[in-house]
């Protein structure tokens, strides 16, 4: 039997509705960690269903590090002003801005990587791998792996969230989609740092 304290604890932790928390706990047989994993999976499914919706509102949020030498601006979009004015939505945007300041991503997602950039990086990695003297098929796999790793480190949505490295920024946003019931996306960001 799932207690109200367990449901409340999971709700306080995630901000997701009481019924969704209860269902996840029941499915996980009371195990909080399993319930969190179930909620993360469901948030990804929910986000996928809402992916074709129009974004018409949002916020621009900033983060300036306490040293005043690094800062970031993030435009986080959603469907309605109702969600855009929600304090938790603004806090999500602030968390993403803090992450941008800390992790210095170059691209929002893999679709933002131009063909020119991809070709340049691939050529650089090919030179590196050619020197290894390995067979061509192994070199091809090495280049593919290095490319995936290179861009994952530089793509915002693929990066582990600085406040919780167990989830990526995409999973953080998917959790917001589940919580607010609307499509959410990072429209753009910019990072500033003193040289």
C-alpha atoms as a PDB file:
ATOM      1  CA  UNK A   1       0.000   0.000   0.000  1.00  0.00           C
ATOM      2  CA  UNK A   2       1.343   3.387  -1.014  1.00  0.00           C
ATOM      3  CA  UNK A   3       1.182   5.976   1.764  1.00  0.00           C
ATOM      4  CA  UNK A   4       0.208   9.616   1.306  1.00  0.00           C
ATOM      5  CA  UNK A   5       3.642  10.569   2.694  1.00  0.00           C
ATOM      6  CA  UNK A   6       5.349   8.662  -0.154  1.00  0.00           C
ATOM      7  CA  UNK A   7       3.121  10.377  -2.717  1.00  0.00           C
ATOM      8  CA  UNK A   8       3.733  13.790  -1.137  1.00  0.00           C
ATOM      9  CA  UNK A   9       7.495  13.224  -1.067  1.00  0.00           C
ATOM     10  CA  UNK A  10       7.561  12.261  -4.762  1.00  0.00           C
ATOM     11  CA  UNK A  11       5.300  15.190  -5.674  1.00  0.00           C
ATOM     12  CA  UNK A  12       7.498  17.632  -3.727  1.00  0.00           C
ATOM     13  CA  UNK A  13      10.544  16.218  -5.481  1.00  0.00           C
ATOM     14  CA  UNK A  14       9.149  16.353  -9.018  1.00  0.00           C
ATOM     15  CA  UNK A  15       6.252  18.837  -9.002  1.00  0.00           C
ATOM     16  CA  UNK A  16       4.230  16.339 -11.033  1.00  0.00           C
ATOM     17  CA  UNK A  17       0.549  15.740 -10.249  1.00  0.00           C
ATOM     18  CA  UNK A  18      -0.518  13.634  -7.269  1.00  0.00           C
ATOM     19  CA  UNK A  19      -2.226  11.048  -9.494  1.00  0.00           C
ATOM     20  CA  UNK A  20       0.837  10.568 -11.725  1.00  0.00           C
ATOM     21  CA  UNK A  21       3.047  10.222  -8.639  1.00  0.00           C
ATOM     22  CA  UNK A  22       0.656   7.695  -7.118  1.00  0.00           C
ATOM     23  CA  UNK A  23       0.518   5.626 -10.328  1.00  0.00           C
ATOM     24  CA  UNK A  24       4.313   5.657 -10.645  1.00  0.00           C
ATOM     25  CA  UNK A  25       4.748   4.553  -7.013  1.00  0.00           C
ATOM     26  CA  UNK A  26       2.182   1.773  -7.455  1.00  0.00           C
ATOM     27  CA  UNK A  27       3.925   0.585 -10.618  1.00  0.00           C
ATOM     28  CA  UNK A  28       7.288   0.698  -8.796  1.00  0.00           C
ATOM     29  CA  UNK A  29       5.830  -1.104  -5.772  1.00  0.00           C
ATOM     30  CA  UNK A  30       6.720   1.794  -3.458  1.00  0.00           C
ATOM     31  CA  UNK A  31      10.359   2.178  -4.613  1.00  0.00           C
ATOM     32  CA  UNK A  32      11.002   5.926  -4.965  1.00  0.00           C
ATOM     33  CA  UNK A  33      13.991   5.555  -7.343  1.00  0.00           C
ATOM     34  CA  UNK A  34      12.063   3.242  -9.660  1.00  0.00           C
ATOM     35  CA  UNK A  35       9.102   5.639  -9.542  1.00  0.00           C
ATOM     36  CA  UNK A  36      11.393   8.520 -10.570  1.00  0.00           C
ATOM     37  CA  UNK A  37      12.668   6.445 -13.502  1.00  0.00           C
ATOM     38  CA  UNK A  38       9.088   5.648 -14.538  1.00  0.00           C
ATOM     39  CA  UNK A  39       8.139   9.340 -14.388  1.00  0.00           C
ATOM     40  CA  UNK A  40      11.203  10.277 -16.502  1.00  0.00           C
ATOM     41  CA  UNK A  41      10.246   7.732 -19.148  1.00  0.00           C
ATOM     42  CA  UNK A  42       6.654   8.966 -19.192  1.00  0.00           C
ATOM     43  CA  UNK A  43       7.820  12.585 -19.457  1.00  0.00           C
ATOM     44  CA  UNK A  44       9.772  11.684 -22.616  1.00  0.00           C
ATOM     45  CA  UNK A  45       6.699   9.996 -24.098  1.00  0.00           C
ATOM     46  CA  UNK A  46       4.501  13.004 -23.232  1.00  0.00           C
ATOM     47  CA  UNK A  47       7.040  15.432 -24.731  1.00  0.00           C
ATOM     48  CA  UNK A  48       7.131  13.407 -27.963  1.00  0.00           C
ATOM     49  CA  UNK A  49       3.325  13.593 -28.260  1.00  0.00           C
ATOM     50  CA  UNK A  50       3.388  17.392 -27.869  1.00  0.00           C
ATOM     51  CA  UNK A  51       6.325  17.992 -30.218  1.00  0.00           C
ATOM     52  CA  UNK A  52       4.232  19.290 -33.129  1.00  0.00           C
ATOM     53  CA  UNK A  53       2.456  22.002 -31.114  1.00  0.00           C
ATOM     54  CA  UNK A  54       3.046  25.719 -31.735  1.00  0.00           C
ATOM     55  CA  UNK A  55       5.134  27.764 -29.325  1.00  0.00           C
ATOM     56  CA  UNK A  56       3.601  31.205 -28.753  1.00  0.00           C
ATOM     57  CA  UNK A  57       4.942  32.397 -25.417  1.00  0.00           C
ATOM     58  CA  UNK A  58       7.932  32.065 -23.150  1.00  0.00           C
ATOM     59  CA  UNK A  59      10.487  33.895 -21.037  1.00  0.00           C
ATOM     60  CA  UNK A  60      13.998  35.205 -21.340  1.00  0.00           C
ATOM     61  CA  UNK A  61      15.917  34.391 -18.180  1.00  0.00           C
ATOM     62  CA  UNK A  62      19.451  35.231 -17.137  1.00  0.00           C
ATOM     63  CA  UNK A  63      22.114  33.863 -14.865  1.00  0.00           C
ATOM     64  CA  UNK A  64      25.178  35.803 -13.748  1.00  0.00           C
ATOM     65  CA  UNK A  65      27.799  33.887 -11.762  1.00  0.00           C
ATOM     66  CA  UNK A  66      28.719  35.388  -8.381  1.00  0.00           C
ATOM     67  CA  UNK A  67      32.175  36.334  -9.713  1.00  0.00           C
ATOM     68  CA  UNK A  68      30.414  38.525 -12.302  1.00  0.00           C
ATOM     69  CA  UNK A  69      32.736  37.114 -14.979  1.00  0.00           C
ATOM     70  CA  UNK A  70      30.353  34.588 -16.615  1.00  0.00           C
ATOM     71  CA  UNK A  71      26.716  34.957 -17.526  1.00  0.00           C
ATOM     72  CA  UNK A  72      24.043  33.563 -19.831  1.00  0.00           C
ATOM     73  CA  UNK A  73      20.681  34.453 -21.346  1.00  0.00           C
ATOM     74  CA  UNK A  74      18.188  31.755 -22.323  1.00  0.00           C
ATOM     75  CA  UNK A  75      14.933  32.066 -24.256  1.00  0.00           C
ATOM     76  CA  UNK A  76      12.661  29.245 -23.083  1.00  0.00           C
ATOM     77  CA  UNK A  77       9.482  28.938 -25.145  1.00  0.00           C
ATOM     78  CA  UNK A  78       6.115  27.417 -24.273  1.00  0.00           C
ATOM     79  CA  UNK A  79       2.603  27.447 -25.692  1.00  0.00           C
ATOM     80  CA  UNK A  80       0.749  29.926 -23.443  1.00  0.00           C
ATOM     81  CA  UNK A  81       1.316  33.026 -21.297  1.00  0.00           C
ATOM     82  CA  UNK A  82      -0.264  31.134 -18.413  1.00  0.00           C
ATOM     83  CA  UNK A  83       2.692  28.737 -18.255  1.00  0.00           C
ATOM     84  CA  UNK A  84       5.248  31.447 -19.148  1.00  0.00           C
ATOM     85  CA  UNK A  85       4.223  33.408 -16.030  1.00  0.00           C
ATOM     86  CA  UNK A  86       4.431  30.354 -13.771  1.00  0.00           C
ATOM     87  CA  UNK A  87       7.234  30.706 -11.189  1.00  0.00           C
ATOM     88  CA  UNK A  88       8.335  27.097 -11.700  1.00  0.00           C
ATOM     89  CA  UNK A  89       8.642  27.667 -15.457  1.00  0.00           C
ATOM     90  CA  UNK A  90      10.778  30.758 -14.829  1.00  0.00           C
ATOM     91  CA  UNK A  91      12.888  28.714 -12.380  1.00  0.00           C
ATOM     92  CA  UNK A  92      13.373  26.066 -15.101  1.00  0.00           C
ATOM     93  CA  UNK A  93      14.579  28.776 -17.490  1.00  0.00           C
ATOM     94  CA  UNK A  94      16.950  30.096 -14.789  1.00  0.00           C
ATOM     95  CA  UNK A  95      18.341  26.596 -14.184  1.00  0.00           C
ATOM     96  CA  UNK A  96      19.002  26.192 -17.910  1.00  0.00           C
ATOM     97  CA  UNK A  97      20.701  29.623 -18.024  1.00  0.00           C
ATOM     98  CA  UNK A  98      22.900  28.568 -15.088  1.00  0.00           C
ATOM     99  CA  UNK A  99      23.757  25.355 -16.929  1.00  0.00           C
ATOM    100  CA  UNK A 100      24.675  27.316 -20.086  1.00  0.00           C
ATOM    101  CA  UNK A 101      26.968  29.571 -18.042  1.00  0.00           C
ATOM    102  CA  UNK A 102      28.633  26.548 -16.410  1.00  0.00           C
ATOM    103  CA  UNK A 103      28.877  24.159 -19.381  1.00  0.00           C
ATOM    104  CA  UNK A 104      29.356  26.478 -22.383  1.00  0.00           C
ATOM    105  CA  UNK A 105      27.333  24.529 -24.992  1.00  0.00           C
ATOM    106  CA  UNK A 106      27.699  25.653 -28.606  1.00  0.00           C
ATOM    107  CA  UNK A 107      24.459  24.263 -30.084  1.00  0.00           C
ATOM    108  CA  UNK A 108      20.885  23.862 -28.803  1.00  0.00           C
ATOM    109  CA  UNK A 109      20.472  20.420 -30.403  1.00  0.00           C
ATOM    110  CA  UNK A 110      21.932  18.289 -33.181  1.00  0.00           C
ATOM    111  CA  UNK A 111      19.784  20.109 -35.775  1.00  0.00           C
ATOM    112  CA  UNK A 112      21.640  23.364 -35.024  1.00  0.00           C
ATOM    113  CA  UNK A 113      24.961  21.862 -36.168  1.00  0.00           C
ATOM    114  CA  UNK A 114      25.673  23.081 -39.693  1.00  0.00           C
ATOM    115  CA  UNK A 115      27.030  20.815 -42.412  1.00  0.00           C
ATOM    116  CA  UNK A 116      30.154  22.991 -42.579  1.00  0.00           C
ATOM    117  CA  UNK A 117      30.879  22.577 -38.875  1.00  0.00           C
ATOM    118  CA  UNK A 118      30.227  18.841 -39.037  1.00  0.00           C
ATOM    119  CA  UNK A 119      32.518  18.463 -42.082  1.00  0.00           C
ATOM    120  CA  UNK A 120      35.308  20.483 -40.434  1.00  0.00           C
ATOM    121  CA  UNK A 121      35.189  18.436 -37.220  1.00  0.00           C
ATOM    122  CA  UNK A 122      34.987  15.182 -39.190  1.00  0.00           C
ATOM    123  CA  UNK A 123      38.056  16.147 -41.259  1.00  0.00           C
ATOM    124  CA  UNK A 124      40.013  16.992 -38.100  1.00  0.00           C
ATOM    125  CA  UNK A 125      39.053  13.707 -36.449  1.00  0.00           C
ATOM    126  CA  UNK A 126      39.822  11.770 -39.644  1.00  0.00           C
ATOM    127  CA  UNK A 127      43.395  13.106 -39.635  1.00  0.00           C
ATOM    128  CA  UNK A 128      43.715  12.082 -36.005  1.00  0.00           C
ATOM    129  CA  UNK A 129      42.413   8.554 -36.641  1.00  0.00           C
ATOM    130  CA  UNK A 130      44.407   8.079 -39.877  1.00  0.00           C
ATOM    131  CA  UNK A 131      47.584   8.287 -37.818  1.00  0.00           C
ATOM    132  CA  UNK A 132      46.455   5.312 -35.722  1.00  0.00           C
ATOM    133  CA  UNK A 133      47.246   2.830 -38.515  1.00  0.00           C
ATOM    134  CA  UNK A 134      44.113   0.776 -37.828  1.00  0.00           C
ATOM    135  CA  UNK A 135      42.049  -0.903 -40.608  1.00  0.00           C
ATOM    136  CA  UNK A 136      39.603   1.336 -42.521  1.00  0.00           C
ATOM    137  CA  UNK A 137      36.423  -0.210 -41.027  1.00  0.00           C
ATOM    138  CA  UNK A 138      37.719   0.321 -37.483  1.00  0.00           C
ATOM    139  CA  UNK A 139      38.776   3.871 -38.370  1.00  0.00           C
ATOM    140  CA  UNK A 140      35.245   4.593 -39.636  1.00  0.00           C
ATOM    141  CA  UNK A 141      33.729   3.358 -36.354  1.00  0.00           C
ATOM    142  CA  UNK A 142      36.279   5.367 -34.381  1.00  0.00           C
ATOM    143  CA  UNK A 143      35.401   8.546 -36.293  1.00  0.00           C
ATOM    144  CA  UNK A 144      31.650   7.969 -35.775  1.00  0.00           C
ATOM    145  CA  UNK A 145      32.158   7.452 -32.045  1.00  0.00           C
ATOM    146  CA  UNK A 146      34.421  10.490 -31.698  1.00  0.00           C
ATOM    147  CA  UNK A 147      31.952  12.650 -33.672  1.00  0.00           C
ATOM    148  CA  UNK A 148      29.040  11.573 -31.461  1.00  0.00           C
ATOM    149  CA  UNK A 149      31.073  12.259 -28.329  1.00  0.00           C
ATOM    150  CA  UNK A 150      32.369  15.616 -29.618  1.00  0.00           C
ATOM    151  CA  UNK A 151      28.912  16.968 -30.440  1.00  0.00           C
ATOM    152  CA  UNK A 152      27.226  15.499 -27.324  1.00  0.00           C
ATOM    153  CA  UNK A 153      29.635  17.540 -25.197  1.00  0.00           C
ATOM    154  CA  UNK A 154      28.774  20.717 -27.131  1.00  0.00           C
ATOM    155  CA  UNK A 155      25.001  20.258 -27.577  1.00  0.00           C
ATOM    156  CA  UNK A 156      22.851  21.738 -24.812  1.00  0.00           C
ATOM    157  CA  UNK A 157      20.062  19.144 -24.853  1.00  0.00           C
ATOM    158  CA  UNK A 158      22.525  16.225 -24.710  1.00  0.00           C
ATOM    159  CA  UNK A 159      24.593  17.587 -21.807  1.00  0.00           C
ATOM    160  CA  UNK A 160      24.155  16.223 -18.263  1.00  0.00           C
ATOM    161  CA  UNK A 161      22.397  18.847 -16.120  1.00  0.00           C
ATOM    162  CA  UNK A 162      24.913  20.521 -13.784  1.00  0.00           C
ATOM    163  CA  UNK A 163      22.581  20.346 -10.777  1.00  0.00           C
ATOM    164  CA  UNK A 164      21.719  16.671 -11.386  1.00  0.00           C
ATOM    165  CA  UNK A 165      24.133  14.834 -13.726  1.00  0.00           C
ATOM    166  CA  UNK A 166      21.818  11.785 -13.730  1.00  0.00           C
ATOM    167  CA  UNK A 167      19.577  13.581 -16.250  1.00  0.00           C
ATOM    168  CA  UNK A 168      20.245  15.515 -19.436  1.00  0.00           C
ATOM    169  CA  UNK A 169      18.884  18.966 -20.211  1.00  0.00           C
ATOM    170  CA  UNK A 170      16.444  17.277 -22.619  1.00  0.00           C
ATOM    171  CA  UNK A 171      15.150  15.086 -19.771  1.00  0.00           C
ATOM    172  CA  UNK A 172      14.870  18.185 -17.560  1.00  0.00           C
ATOM    173  CA  UNK A 173      12.770  19.913 -20.227  1.00  0.00           C
ATOM    174  CA  UNK A 174      10.695  16.748 -20.810  1.00  0.00           C
ATOM    175  CA  UNK A 175       9.932  16.785 -17.066  1.00  0.00           C
ATOM    176  CA  UNK A 176       8.720  20.367 -17.493  1.00  0.00           C
ATOM    177  CA  UNK A 177       6.489  19.297 -20.384  1.00  0.00           C
ATOM    178  CA  UNK A 178       4.979  16.634 -18.132  1.00  0.00           C
ATOM    179  CA  UNK A 179       4.551  19.078 -15.254  1.00  0.00           C
ATOM    180  CA  UNK A 180       3.049  21.985 -17.226  1.00  0.00           C
ATOM    181  CA  UNK A 181       1.221  19.998 -19.915  1.00  0.00           C
ATOM    182  CA  UNK A 182       2.662  22.099 -22.748  1.00  0.00           C
ATOM    183  CA  UNK A 183       5.424  21.836 -25.297  1.00  0.00           C
ATOM    184  CA  UNK A 184       8.599  23.534 -24.022  1.00  0.00           C
ATOM    185  CA  UNK A 185      11.744  24.264 -26.013  1.00  0.00           C
ATOM    186  CA  UNK A 186      14.944  26.263 -25.734  1.00  0.00           C
ATOM    187  CA  UNK A 187      14.627  28.728 -28.606  1.00  0.00           C
ATOM    188  CA  UNK A 188      18.129  30.185 -28.223  1.00  0.00           C
ATOM    189  CA  UNK A 189      20.825  31.031 -25.738  1.00  0.00           C
ATOM    190  CA  UNK A 190      23.954  33.107 -25.434  1.00  0.00           C
ATOM    191  CA  UNK A 191      26.856  32.840 -23.001  1.00  0.00           C
ATOM    192  CA  UNK A 192      29.140  35.686 -21.980  1.00  0.00           C
ATOM    193  CA  UNK A 193      32.558  35.333 -20.349  1.00  0.00           C
ATOM    194  CA  UNK A 194      35.297  37.797 -19.632  1.00  0.00           C
ATOM    195  CA  UNK A 195      38.441  36.943 -21.550  1.00  0.00           C
END
